[in-house]
Each structure stands twice: as structure tokens, then as C-alpha cells.
């Protein structure tokens, strides 16, 4: 039992999100959500930040509902099959092309549902990375060149899990006090304490890493720091532009692989220069082993296969609305997406921090990378 490297989980989740961005087929998007949920159920730990996957599912449903609602209110007619007609609000001549109300067609509702489901699938894939990857280990694994950016990103990533945990603790405390069902002063008694506690805990994480001197480069010349920063930022911008060029079929070819390769080269040079000027020691560093490579390869396989299928046969991944057709389930894309569930078997079981139904496991906290360390007993606090 050991915790998989958080970078492997994030790369797998980004691969699944990339695959979801290439299709509007609701059957394939629902299959991606099912695969991601299965992996999360099989390999999430029992930490407090790993119990909020249901909140991301609720957020996805909210996104779909809002997308359909706004499409219904604003220009809901884009086909022949009119479902109903809403009262239309007249607008001045300066708002030509904008309509509020009016007829609502089946084609418009389906288009809104497909787009909203794709966005919800992207959010659920990124939420699975938040649930599976430990944000503290992720910050510790970043190179020193990304210290400031990594601290900000870690605070941002830990806000959502801490928000879910704080909400559960506040709701549990209200139930113990007998406040169930009371709606008076709900905003002041629930929302504000939850938001404040979640932000304080996230800032506490960043302050703890800063107090340990992570990424300190006080003895480095200012010119060297600026050069490294420019290389890293330019590399990241190149990677973002190249990724956009690969995902957008209408983008010029020069924004695809060439820009992505240039950004990777600049980022690697910047990371190498930053790592060479700073010496860091790590307590129990996160090792990259065969399980990590297998998880990353699975995400890359799914993303690459869906990209190729969308390029060779875009009709199979994007059901037609004009004319209206029932979405099909292409067998190749289905098999590839099902292969995305392999991390549930490739990744090792996560380390448990408390006793299970069969009793505590004394050796569950021993680091497998350090066989000479003795097994530590499980400590349960109340």
C-alpha cells in the first residue's frame, strides 16, 4: 500500500478531460463519467480532502441545468421541432440578433444539453484529480522554479476539498445542536463559516510550506532568477498555445505541435537551470515507478485515440442535430474509454490513515520506499 504520485493522477485526469473535449456524444460522455467515478471509488484514500467527489457530480448537474435554462431563455429555436413557446420580450433595435423568449425547439435543447454535458464532464475529470491527488505532495514535488506559482496553485486546488470538508463539519455541528430544518440566518451560520474556514486552512497550508523554506533562492543573482523566470514562463505559454492548437481543429497548424515542442524545450531548460542553482533535501521523496507510468500512459492513450477518431471520423463523436439523429456508440471509442479504467487496477491501494472494519493495520503507514524503517502503529485521535 502506498500513495500514487499526485502528478500521475493529474496527467491521467487531464488525458480523460482531453478525450471528453473531443466529443459531444452523450453516450461517450456518460461513459467517461462512469469510468472516472469507478477509478475514484477504487483508489481514493480516506483523507478529508478525498471525500468530495459527489460535490463535483452535483456541480456537473448544475452546469448542465444552467446551460439548458439559458439556451431556453435566449434563442432556444434552432430547428424545426418546436416544443413550446415562451413569452417573448421585445428588445430595442440596437440589440439586433438577441432574443429573450420565443419558440423553443428540440434541436436547441439538445445542443445545449450536449455542450453542458461536455463541460460537466471536464469539471468531473478535474475534480477526480483533486480527490485522488494529495495537494501537499503535489506542491512538494514541484521544481523550485515554480515555487511561487506552485504555492498559489496549491492553495487554489485545496480550497474546493477544504470547502467540502468544512461544510460537512458545520452541517454536522448544526445537527448536534438541533438546528435541522431551520432556515433562519442560514447564510450567516453556515455559508460564511464554511468559506472562512476553508480559506484559512488553505492559507495555512501555504504558510506551512513557506515556513519550511521551500524553494528559497536568496543567494542567487537577480539576473539568473529573471532569466530562469522568463524561460519557464515562455515555456508554459508555448505549452498552453500548443495544446490549444492541438485541441482546436480550426487553429493554424503552426500553433499545434511546433509551438508545443518549443514550449517544452524552453520549460525544460528553465527547470534545469533552476534545479542546478538550488539544492533541496526531501523527507521521503515521491518516487516515480511503474504504476505511475502505467497510469499516465492510460490517460495519454485515451486522449490520443479520441483525438485520432475525431480527426478521421468526426461524425461518430458528434451526433448530428441538422437533421436530428439518435447518437450512436462507436465501438473503437467505447473500448478506448473503457481502457481508461485501468488505473483502478494498475495503481496500488492507497494508504489508510485510520482503522478499518477489520482493525488497524500496523504496517499501513510504513513507507515502501524505505524498507529499513520500522512499521509505525496507527494513531487514532478523538
Protein backbone atom coordinates (compact mmCIF):
# COMPACT_ATOMS: atom_id res chain seq x y z
CA UNK A 1 0.00 0.00 0.00
CA UNK A 2 1.32 3.41 -0.99
CA UNK A 3 0.01 6.70 -2.33
CA UNK A 4 0.49 7.14 -6.05
CA UNK A 5 2.42 10.20 -7.15
CA UNK A 6 -0.04 13.13 -7.46
CA UNK A 7 1.42 14.14 -10.81
CA UNK A 8 0.38 10.79 -12.28
CA UNK A 9 -3.22 11.30 -11.20
CA UNK A 10 -3.30 14.79 -12.68
CA UNK A 11 -1.87 13.65 -16.00
CA UNK A 12 -4.40 10.81 -16.18
CA UNK A 13 -7.26 13.19 -15.38
CA UNK A 14 -6.07 15.68 -18.00
CA UNK A 15 -5.97 12.86 -20.55
CA UNK A 16 -9.57 11.92 -19.74
CA UNK A 17 -10.60 15.58 -19.91
CA UNK A 18 -8.90 15.94 -23.29
CA UNK A 19 -10.83 12.94 -24.55
CA UNK A 20 -14.08 14.48 -23.27
CA UNK A 21 -13.36 17.75 -25.07
CA UNK A 22 -13.26 15.96 -28.44
CA UNK A 23 -16.85 14.68 -28.39
CA UNK A 24 -20.41 15.83 -27.77
CA UNK A 25 -21.85 12.32 -27.86
CA UNK A 26 -23.83 11.97 -24.59
CA UNK A 27 -23.28 8.20 -24.53
CA UNK A 28 -19.48 8.58 -24.66
CA UNK A 29 -19.52 11.46 -22.16
CA UNK A 30 -21.62 9.40 -19.76
CA UNK A 31 -19.18 6.51 -20.19
CA UNK A 32 -16.23 8.81 -19.36
CA UNK A 33 -18.01 9.96 -16.18
CA UNK A 34 -18.69 6.33 -15.21
CA UNK A 35 -15.04 5.34 -15.77
CA UNK A 36 -13.73 8.30 -13.75
CA UNK A 37 -16.18 7.57 -10.92
CA UNK A 38 -15.11 3.92 -10.86
CA UNK A 39 -11.42 4.82 -10.58
CA UNK A 40 -12.15 7.32 -7.82
CA UNK A 41 -14.21 4.79 -5.87
CA UNK A 42 -11.46 2.18 -6.21
CA UNK A 43 -8.38 4.27 -5.45
CA UNK A 44 -9.28 7.25 -3.32
CA UNK A 45 -7.95 7.43 0.21
CA UNK A 46 -9.87 8.13 3.40
CA UNK A 47 -8.38 11.60 3.88
CA UNK A 48 -10.73 14.53 4.39
CA UNK A 49 -9.90 16.10 1.03
CA UNK A 50 -10.64 12.81 -0.80
CA UNK A 51 -14.33 12.57 0.07
CA UNK A 52 -15.77 15.33 -2.09
CA UNK A 53 -16.29 13.63 -5.45
CA UNK A 54 -20.06 13.77 -5.02
CA UNK A 55 -19.88 17.56 -4.86
CA UNK A 56 -18.28 17.62 -8.33
CA UNK A 57 -21.10 15.45 -9.66
CA UNK A 58 -23.64 17.89 -8.24
CA UNK A 59 -21.69 20.77 -9.79
CA UNK A 60 -21.81 19.00 -13.16
CA UNK A 61 -25.59 18.62 -12.93
CA UNK A 62 -25.87 22.31 -12.07
CA UNK A 63 -23.77 23.25 -15.11
CA UNK A 64 -25.97 21.17 -17.42
CA UNK A 65 -29.16 22.64 -15.96
CA UNK A 66 -27.89 26.21 -16.28
CA UNK A 67 -26.76 25.62 -19.85
CA UNK A 68 -30.17 24.29 -20.87
CA UNK A 69 -32.01 27.05 -18.99
CA UNK A 70 -30.04 29.87 -20.62
CA UNK A 71 -30.45 28.31 -24.04
CA UNK A 72 -34.19 28.09 -23.41
CA UNK A 73 -34.41 31.75 -22.46
CA UNK A 74 -32.00 33.15 -25.05
CA UNK A 75 -32.56 31.98 -28.62
CA UNK A 76 -33.85 28.49 -27.95
CA UNK A 77 -35.03 27.91 -31.53
CA UNK A 78 -32.51 26.34 -33.91
CA UNK A 79 -34.59 23.64 -35.60
CA UNK A 80 -37.94 22.58 -36.94
CA UNK A 81 -39.29 20.59 -33.98
CA UNK A 82 -40.76 23.30 -31.71
CA UNK A 83 -41.52 22.01 -28.23
CA UNK A 84 -43.23 25.07 -26.72
CA UNK A 85 -43.25 28.84 -26.96
CA UNK A 86 -42.25 31.25 -24.20
CA UNK A 87 -43.47 34.84 -23.95
CA UNK A 88 -41.05 36.96 -25.95
CA UNK A 89 -39.71 40.23 -24.55
CA UNK A 90 -39.33 42.96 -27.21
CA UNK A 91 -35.86 44.50 -27.37
CA UNK A 92 -34.69 47.79 -28.93
CA UNK A 93 -33.17 47.91 -32.39
CA UNK A 94 -29.64 48.10 -31.01
CA UNK A 95 -29.98 44.54 -29.69
CA UNK A 96 -30.47 43.00 -33.12
CA UNK A 97 -29.73 39.28 -33.15
CA UNK A 98 -30.58 38.83 -29.45
CA UNK A 99 -33.89 37.32 -28.41
CA UNK A 100 -35.39 36.68 -24.99
CA UNK A 101 -38.16 34.09 -25.03
CA UNK A 102 -39.99 32.86 -28.08
CA UNK A 103 -40.24 29.35 -29.54
CA UNK A 104 -38.02 26.62 -28.08
CA UNK A 105 -37.01 23.75 -30.35
CA UNK A 106 -35.84 20.23 -29.61
CA UNK A 107 -32.63 20.78 -31.59
CA UNK A 108 -31.72 23.81 -29.47
CA UNK A 109 -32.32 21.96 -26.22
CA UNK A 110 -30.24 19.00 -27.35
CA UNK A 111 -27.39 21.27 -28.45
CA UNK A 112 -27.41 22.97 -25.04
CA UNK A 113 -27.54 19.60 -23.27
CA UNK A 114 -24.61 18.22 -25.28
CA UNK A 115 -22.44 21.28 -24.63
CA UNK A 116 -23.36 21.41 -20.95
CA UNK A 117 -22.66 17.70 -20.52
CA UNK A 118 -19.24 18.09 -22.13
CA UNK A 119 -18.36 20.97 -19.78
CA UNK A 120 -19.67 18.97 -16.80
CA UNK A 121 -17.51 16.01 -17.83
CA UNK A 122 -14.44 18.24 -17.93
CA UNK A 123 -15.18 19.51 -14.42
CA UNK A 124 -15.72 15.98 -13.11
CA UNK A 125 -12.42 14.78 -14.62
CA UNK A 126 -10.51 17.63 -12.98
CA UNK A 127 -12.42 17.04 -9.76
CA UNK A 128 -11.27 13.41 -9.76
CA UNK A 129 -7.66 14.65 -9.79
CA UNK A 130 -8.46 16.85 -6.79
CA UNK A 131 -9.88 13.83 -4.99
CA UNK A 132 -7.12 11.36 -5.86
CA UNK A 133 -4.01 13.58 -5.68
CA UNK A 134 -2.65 14.85 -2.40
CA UNK A 135 -2.17 18.64 -2.80
CA UNK A 136 0.63 18.75 -0.22
CA UNK A 137 2.66 16.11 -2.05
CA UNK A 138 1.97 17.86 -5.32
CA UNK A 139 3.48 21.09 -4.02
CA UNK A 140 6.47 19.22 -2.62
CA UNK A 141 7.10 17.58 -6.00
CA UNK A 142 7.20 20.83 -7.97
CA UNK A 143 10.61 22.21 -9.01
CA UNK A 144 11.97 25.26 -7.26
CA UNK A 145 11.37 27.42 -10.34
CA UNK A 146 7.64 27.06 -9.78
CA UNK A 147 7.71 27.80 -6.06
CA UNK A 148 5.56 30.96 -6.05
CA UNK A 149 3.23 29.67 -8.76
CA UNK A 150 3.05 26.26 -7.09
CA UNK A 151 2.08 27.77 -3.74
CA UNK A 152 -0.74 29.76 -5.34
CA UNK A 153 -1.94 26.76 -7.35
CA UNK A 154 -1.85 24.51 -4.28
CA UNK A 155 -3.93 27.00 -2.31
CA UNK A 156 -6.41 27.15 -5.20
CA UNK A 157 -6.57 23.36 -5.54
CA UNK A 158 -7.04 22.79 -1.82
CA UNK A 159 -9.86 25.33 -1.46
CA UNK A 160 -12.50 23.04 -3.00
CA UNK A 161 -11.68 19.95 -0.86
CA UNK A 162 -11.39 22.08 2.27
CA UNK A 163 -14.69 23.74 1.39
CA UNK A 164 -16.42 20.37 1.22
CA UNK A 165 -14.88 19.24 4.50
CA UNK A 166 -15.76 22.48 6.27
CA UNK A 167 -19.34 22.29 5.00
CA UNK A 168 -19.75 18.77 6.39
CA UNK A 169 -18.34 19.76 9.77
CA UNK A 170 -20.60 22.81 10.04
CA UNK A 171 -23.70 20.83 9.00
CA UNK A 172 -22.80 18.08 11.49
CA UNK A 173 -22.42 20.66 14.25
CA UNK A 174 -25.82 22.18 13.39
CA UNK A 175 -27.45 18.76 13.60
CA UNK A 176 -25.89 18.14 17.01
CA UNK A 177 -27.30 21.47 18.19
CA UNK A 178 -30.76 20.60 16.86
CA UNK A 179 -30.78 23.21 14.06
CA UNK A 180 -32.01 20.78 11.41
CA UNK A 181 -34.74 22.29 9.24
CA UNK A 182 -34.28 25.86 10.44
CA UNK A 183 -33.70 28.28 7.59
CA UNK A 184 -33.32 31.46 9.61
CA UNK A 185 -29.90 33.10 9.46
CA UNK A 186 -28.68 30.19 7.34
CA UNK A 187 -26.27 32.35 5.34
CA UNK A 188 -24.60 33.79 8.43
CA UNK A 189 -24.49 30.50 10.34
CA UNK A 190 -23.40 28.16 7.53
CA UNK A 191 -22.07 29.85 4.39
CA UNK A 192 -19.79 32.41 5.99
CA UNK A 193 -18.15 29.98 8.50
CA UNK A 194 -17.64 27.40 5.75
CA UNK A 195 -15.98 29.86 3.36
CA UNK A 196 -13.82 31.40 6.08
CA UNK A 197 -12.65 28.06 7.46
CA UNK A 198 -11.84 26.65 4.01
CA UNK A 199 -9.79 29.70 3.02
CA UNK A 200 -7.96 29.76 6.37
CA UNK A 201 -6.99 26.10 6.05
CA UNK A 202 -5.72 26.61 2.50
CA UNK A 203 -3.65 29.62 3.54
CA UNK A 204 -2.32 27.60 6.48
CA UNK A 205 -1.02 25.00 4.05
CA UNK A 206 0.84 27.64 2.02
CA UNK A 207 2.26 29.23 5.18
CA UNK A 208 3.46 25.86 6.44
CA UNK A 209 5.34 25.20 3.19
CA UNK A 210 6.78 28.72 3.21
CA UNK A 211 7.99 28.37 6.81
CA UNK A 212 9.96 25.28 5.79
CA UNK A 213 11.93 27.32 3.27
CA UNK A 214 10.60 25.60 0.17
CA UNK A 215 12.22 26.96 -2.99
CA UNK A 216 14.31 29.67 -1.33
CA UNK A 217 16.77 31.28 -3.77
CA UNK A 218 18.03 34.26 -1.79
CA UNK A 219 21.69 33.66 -2.69
CA UNK A 220 21.13 33.63 -6.45
CA UNK A 221 21.95 36.63 -8.62
CA UNK A 222 18.91 38.67 -9.76
CA UNK A 223 19.85 38.26 -13.42
CA UNK A 224 19.88 34.50 -13.13
CA UNK A 225 16.48 34.50 -11.45
CA UNK A 226 15.00 36.72 -14.16
CA UNK A 227 16.42 34.57 -16.96
CA UNK A 228 15.06 31.40 -15.39
CA UNK A 229 11.67 33.01 -14.84
CA UNK A 230 11.46 34.19 -18.44
CA UNK A 231 12.36 30.73 -19.76
CA UNK A 232 9.81 28.99 -17.55
CA UNK A 233 7.00 31.45 -18.30
CA UNK A 234 7.73 31.41 -22.03
CA UNK A 235 7.76 27.62 -21.97
CA UNK A 236 4.44 27.46 -20.16
CA UNK A 237 2.87 29.92 -22.59
CA UNK A 238 4.17 27.85 -25.50
CA UNK A 239 2.73 24.66 -23.99
CA UNK A 240 -0.68 26.31 -23.49
CA UNK A 241 -0.75 27.70 -27.02
CA UNK A 242 0.39 24.38 -28.49
CA UNK A 243 -2.22 22.45 -26.52
CA UNK A 244 -4.91 24.84 -27.75
CA UNK A 245 -3.70 24.38 -31.31
CA UNK A 246 -3.98 20.61 -30.97
CA UNK A 247 -7.44 20.69 -29.43
CA UNK A 248 -8.92 23.29 -31.80
CA UNK A 249 -9.48 21.84 -35.26
CA UNK A 250 -9.77 25.34 -36.80
CA UNK A 251 -6.46 26.65 -35.41
CA UNK A 252 -3.43 27.03 -37.73
CA UNK A 253 -1.04 24.10 -37.80
CA UNK A 254 1.83 26.29 -36.59
CA UNK A 255 0.04 26.64 -33.25
CA UNK A 256 -0.04 22.88 -32.70
CA UNK A 257 2.97 20.58 -32.45
CA UNK A 258 5.67 23.20 -33.30
CA UNK A 259 4.56 25.57 -30.55
CA UNK A 260 4.10 22.70 -28.10
CA UNK A 261 7.61 21.38 -28.82
CA UNK A 262 9.13 24.87 -28.45
CA UNK A 263 7.34 25.39 -25.15
CA UNK A 264 8.53 22.03 -23.81
CA UNK A 265 12.15 22.82 -24.74
CA UNK A 266 12.06 26.24 -23.06
CA UNK A 267 10.38 24.85 -19.96
CA UNK A 268 12.91 22.03 -19.62
CA UNK A 269 15.82 24.48 -19.97
CA UNK A 270 14.29 26.75 -17.33
CA UNK A 271 13.67 23.88 -14.93
CA UNK A 272 17.20 22.55 -15.41
CA UNK A 273 18.73 25.97 -14.74
CA UNK A 274 16.58 26.44 -11.66
CA UNK A 275 17.30 22.98 -10.29
CA UNK A 276 21.04 23.35 -10.78
CA UNK A 277 21.32 26.51 -8.69
CA UNK A 278 19.31 25.26 -5.69
CA UNK A 279 19.98 22.19 -3.58
CA UNK A 280 16.99 20.76 -1.75
CA UNK A 281 16.56 17.87 0.64
CA UNK A 282 13.29 15.97 0.85
CA UNK A 283 11.90 13.74 3.54
CA UNK A 284 10.56 10.60 1.88
CA UNK A 285 10.51 11.90 -1.69
CA UNK A 286 7.79 10.71 -4.03
CA UNK A 287 9.21 8.10 -6.39
CA UNK A 288 8.07 7.64 -9.97
CA UNK A 289 7.66 3.90 -10.54
CA UNK A 290 5.96 1.54 -12.93
CA UNK A 291 2.48 2.23 -11.54
CA UNK A 292 2.87 5.95 -12.22
CA UNK A 293 3.99 5.32 -15.78
CA UNK A 294 1.08 2.96 -16.34
CA UNK A 295 -1.49 5.49 -15.08
CA UNK A 296 -0.02 8.28 -17.23
CA UNK A 297 0.15 6.00 -20.28
CA UNK A 298 -3.53 5.15 -19.83
CA UNK A 299 -4.58 8.80 -19.86
CA UNK A 300 -2.35 9.54 -22.83
CA UNK A 301 -3.77 6.55 -24.72
CA UNK A 302 -7.37 7.66 -24.21
CA UNK A 303 -6.63 11.27 -25.20
CA UNK A 304 -4.63 10.29 -28.31
CA UNK A 305 -7.15 7.71 -29.50
CA UNK A 306 -10.13 10.09 -29.16
CA UNK A 307 -8.16 12.81 -30.95
CA UNK A 308 -7.43 10.48 -33.87
CA UNK A 309 -11.03 9.26 -34.03
CA UNK A 310 -12.35 12.82 -34.01
CA UNK A 311 -9.99 13.70 -36.86
CA UNK A 312 -10.75 10.64 -39.01
CA UNK A 313 -14.47 10.22 -38.23
CA UNK A 314 -15.89 13.35 -36.54
CA UNK A 315 -19.50 12.30 -37.18
CA UNK A 316 -19.13 9.32 -34.84
CA UNK A 317 -18.17 11.56 -31.90
CA UNK A 318 -20.51 14.48 -32.65
CA UNK A 319 -24.11 13.39 -33.34
CA UNK A 320 -25.92 15.42 -35.96
CA UNK A 321 -28.66 17.88 -34.99
CA UNK A 322 -29.46 19.07 -38.52
CA UNK A 323 -31.01 16.64 -39.41
CA UNK A 324 -31.80 15.24 -36.00
CA UNK A 325 -30.24 11.80 -35.37
CA UNK A 326 -30.02 9.46 -32.41
CA UNK A 327 -26.41 9.29 -31.08
CA UNK A 328 -24.54 6.07 -31.81
CA UNK A 329 -21.95 4.30 -29.67
CA UNK A 330 -18.80 3.77 -31.79
CA UNK A 331 -17.05 0.58 -30.73
CA UNK A 332 -13.47 1.88 -31.03
CA UNK A 333 -14.08 4.95 -28.88
CA UNK A 334 -16.00 2.84 -26.38
CA UNK A 335 -13.14 0.36 -25.95
CA UNK A 336 -10.59 3.14 -25.57
CA UNK A 337 -12.65 4.93 -22.92
CA UNK A 338 -13.16 1.67 -21.03
CA UNK A 339 -9.37 1.26 -21.06
CA UNK A 340 -9.26 4.48 -19.03
CA UNK A 341 -10.41 2.44 -16.01
CA UNK A 342 -7.08 0.56 -15.88
CA UNK A 343 -5.67 2.82 -13.11
CA UNK A 344 -8.17 1.16 -10.77
CA UNK A 345 -6.06 -1.99 -11.18
CA UNK A 346 -2.62 -0.53 -12.01
CA UNK A 347 -2.39 1.91 -9.11
CA UNK A 348 -1.61 0.41 -5.69
CA UNK A 349 -4.20 0.67 -2.89
CA UNK A 350 -3.88 3.99 -1.05
CA UNK A 351 -2.56 4.26 2.48
CA UNK A 352 -5.30 4.35 5.09
CA UNK A 353 -4.93 6.88 7.91
CA UNK A 354 -7.34 5.23 10.36
CA UNK A 355 -8.64 1.83 11.46
CA UNK A 356 -10.75 -0.23 9.06
CA UNK A 357 -13.59 -2.66 9.75
CA UNK A 358 -11.05 -5.43 10.34
CA UNK A 359 -8.98 -3.34 12.73
CA UNK A 360 -5.98 -1.08 12.24
CA UNK A 361 -3.14 -2.18 10.04
CA UNK A 362 0.11 -1.53 11.93
CA UNK A 363 2.22 -1.54 8.78
CA UNK A 364 0.00 0.61 6.60
CA UNK A 365 1.94 3.77 7.41
CA UNK A 366 5.37 2.39 6.66
CA UNK A 367 6.93 3.96 3.61
CA UNK A 368 7.54 1.24 1.00
CA UNK A 369 10.45 3.21 -0.41
CA UNK A 370 12.29 2.88 2.93
CA UNK A 371 12.29 -0.81 3.91
CA UNK A 372 14.68 -0.18 6.79
CA UNK A 373 12.13 1.96 8.64
CA UNK A 374 10.12 0.10 11.27
CA UNK A 375 6.37 -0.10 10.98
CA UNK A 376 4.59 2.63 12.92
CA UNK A 377 1.34 1.94 14.75
CA UNK A 378 -1.83 3.65 13.68
CA UNK A 379 -2.68 6.62 15.89
CA UNK A 380 -6.35 7.47 16.23
CA UNK A 381 -7.22 10.89 17.67
CA UNK A 382 -10.59 11.85 19.01
